[in-house]
Each structure stands twice: as C-alpha cells, then as structure tokens.
C-alpha cells in the first residue's frame, strides 16, 4: 500500500515513516508539511492511503478533504490529531478513520490496517 504522510512536524512524519518501514506491505511514497504540498504530492505520487494532520496549515481541514476526494476518490484518509475532541468532526467531514497522536504504535498500525482493508 502506497502511503503519503502529511504533517506539519518533521518529527511526526519521521516517526510514522519509521513505523511503516517495519511493515513490507507499506511504502511511504511522499511527505507534505502544508495543504499546497499535500495536493501536489497526491497528484504526483498517487497514494492509496493518506495520514493527514487535521491541523495541517494552508486550508481548513474539511475543505481540504473535499478537494482530496475530488482529486482522488479512492484515496483512504486517516486524520491524525493531538486533540481527540476533533475525532467526530473529522469523521463527519468524510475521513475513513481517526488516530490520536497520543496512541501507541500498535494502535496506530491497527487503525492503518483497518482502514487500508476498507473496514
């Protein structure tokens, strides 16, 4: 599965990349630190799964999500946030899943597998 990482913090992107590198079924195809970079990366890299920082700068998250769905309707999108209270808003906006940035790596992987398998 081709994965794109979109997070403002390089440290978070690196941690996610290291976590996914341990699993041969995942290939991190790119990274983005803002909405503009994300839209370009989705177009160029054609990922299957996006790990999206819900607070990514550049555009409101719900609007960005609509643009992503227009560009690549089959893209699976998991919102990430350090604020668990935004879970409902992210899911209502149309993400396929939500992960709190405070979750342990096993739970992050479990959520990625669940969404990646279309559940």
Protein backbone atom coordinates (compact mmCIF):
# COMPACT_ATOMS: atom_id res chain seq x y z
CA UNK A 1 0.00 0.00 0.00
CA UNK A 2 1.34 3.39 -1.04
CA UNK A 3 1.19 5.85 1.89
CA UNK A 4 1.55 9.63 1.94
CA UNK A 5 2.37 11.43 5.20
CA UNK A 6 1.00 14.95 5.73
CA UNK A 7 2.03 16.59 8.98
CA UNK A 8 3.47 19.97 9.89
CA UNK A 9 6.09 18.44 12.16
CA UNK A 10 9.06 16.66 10.61
CA UNK A 11 9.48 14.66 13.83
CA UNK A 12 5.97 13.18 13.50
CA UNK A 13 6.49 12.37 9.81
CA UNK A 14 9.79 10.65 10.63
CA UNK A 15 8.22 8.59 13.40
CA UNK A 16 5.40 7.49 11.10
CA UNK A 17 7.86 6.67 8.33
CA UNK A 18 9.94 4.52 10.72
CA UNK A 19 6.84 2.74 11.99
CA UNK A 20 5.60 1.94 8.49
CA UNK A 21 9.06 0.93 7.25
CA UNK A 22 8.87 -2.09 9.57
CA UNK A 23 5.97 -3.47 7.55
CA UNK A 24 6.74 -4.60 3.98
CA UNK A 25 3.14 -4.05 2.86
CA UNK A 26 3.53 -0.29 3.29
CA UNK A 27 5.59 2.02 1.09
CA UNK A 28 5.86 5.68 2.11
CA UNK A 29 5.77 7.47 -1.25
CA UNK A 30 5.96 11.05 -0.03
CA UNK A 31 5.54 13.68 2.66
CA UNK A 32 3.91 17.09 2.89
CA UNK A 33 4.05 19.83 5.53
CA UNK A 34 1.16 22.00 4.29
CA UNK A 35 -2.01 21.85 2.20
CA UNK A 36 -0.39 23.03 -1.04
CA UNK A 37 2.38 20.47 -0.79
CA UNK A 38 -0.18 17.80 0.04
CA UNK A 39 -2.34 18.49 -3.01
CA UNK A 40 0.74 18.39 -5.27
CA UNK A 41 2.01 15.17 -3.66
CA UNK A 42 -1.35 13.43 -4.04
CA UNK A 43 -1.40 14.33 -7.73
CA UNK A 44 2.21 13.25 -8.33
CA UNK A 45 2.55 10.23 -6.06
CA UNK A 46 -0.94 8.67 -6.39
CA UNK A 47 -1.04 7.22 -2.85
CA UNK A 48 -3.56 4.63 -1.66
CA UNK A 49 -3.60 5.94 1.91
CA UNK A 50 -3.08 9.38 3.41
CA UNK A 51 -2.20 10.05 7.03
CA UNK A 52 -3.48 13.62 7.36
CA UNK A 53 -2.67 16.03 10.18
CA UNK A 54 -6.11 17.50 10.88
CA UNK A 55 -4.46 20.83 11.71
CA UNK A 56 -2.37 20.97 8.51
CA UNK A 57 -1.80 24.64 7.59
CA UNK A 58 -2.96 26.20 4.35
CA UNK A 59 -6.64 25.30 4.11
CA UNK A 60 -9.42 24.37 6.54
CA UNK A 61 -9.34 20.59 7.01
CA UNK A 62 -12.92 19.96 5.84
CA UNK A 63 -12.33 21.95 2.64
CA UNK A 64 -9.01 20.20 2.03
CA UNK A 65 -10.77 16.88 2.44
CA UNK A 66 -13.33 17.80 -0.24
CA UNK A 67 -10.52 18.74 -2.65
CA UNK A 68 -8.72 15.47 -1.95
CA UNK A 69 -11.91 13.47 -2.59
CA UNK A 70 -12.41 15.25 -5.92
CA UNK A 71 -8.79 14.66 -6.95
CA UNK A 72 -8.59 11.03 -5.85
CA UNK A 73 -11.94 9.50 -4.79
CA UNK A 74 -10.43 6.09 -3.95
CA UNK A 75 -7.87 7.57 -1.52
CA UNK A 76 -8.24 6.26 2.04
CA UNK A 77 -7.74 9.10 4.52
CA UNK A 78 -6.95 8.82 8.20
CA UNK A 79 -6.98 12.05 10.21
CA UNK A 80 -4.38 12.49 12.92
CA UNK A 81 -4.66 14.95 15.76
CA UNK A 82 -3.33 15.50 19.25
CA UNK A 83 -6.83 16.77 20.10
CA UNK A 84 -9.13 13.74 20.50
CA UNK A 85 -12.15 16.05 20.61
CA UNK A 86 -11.86 16.65 16.84
CA UNK A 87 -12.46 12.95 16.10
CA UNK A 88 -16.17 13.42 15.43
CA UNK A 89 -15.65 16.44 13.18
CA UNK A 90 -13.01 14.58 11.15
CA UNK A 91 -15.22 11.53 10.70
CA UNK A 92 -18.26 13.65 9.82
CA UNK A 93 -16.18 15.53 7.25
CA UNK A 94 -15.53 12.23 5.50
CA UNK A 95 -12.26 10.77 6.73
CA UNK A 96 -12.08 6.98 6.77
CA UNK A 97 -10.57 6.90 10.24
CA UNK A 98 -9.06 8.89 13.08
CA UNK A 99 -5.92 8.36 15.13
CA UNK A 100 -4.96 10.33 18.20
CA UNK A 101 -1.28 11.29 18.04
CA UNK A 102 -1.04 10.02 21.62
CA UNK A 103 -1.84 6.42 20.66
CA UNK A 104 0.86 3.77 21.00
CA UNK A 105 2.40 2.45 17.77
CA UNK A 106 0.40 -0.81 17.88
CA UNK A 107 -2.90 1.09 17.83
CA UNK A 108 -1.68 3.35 15.01
CA UNK A 109 -0.79 0.31 12.92
CA UNK A 110 -4.08 -1.41 13.76
CA UNK A 111 -6.04 1.64 12.58
CA UNK A 112 -3.99 1.84 9.37
CA UNK A 113 -4.60 -1.85 8.64
CA UNK A 114 -8.33 -1.49 9.34
CA UNK A 115 -8.78 1.49 7.02
CA UNK A 116 -6.42 0.09 4.42
CA UNK A 117 -8.55 -3.04 4.21
CA UNK A 118 -11.68 -0.94 3.74
CA UNK A 119 -13.26 -1.65 7.11
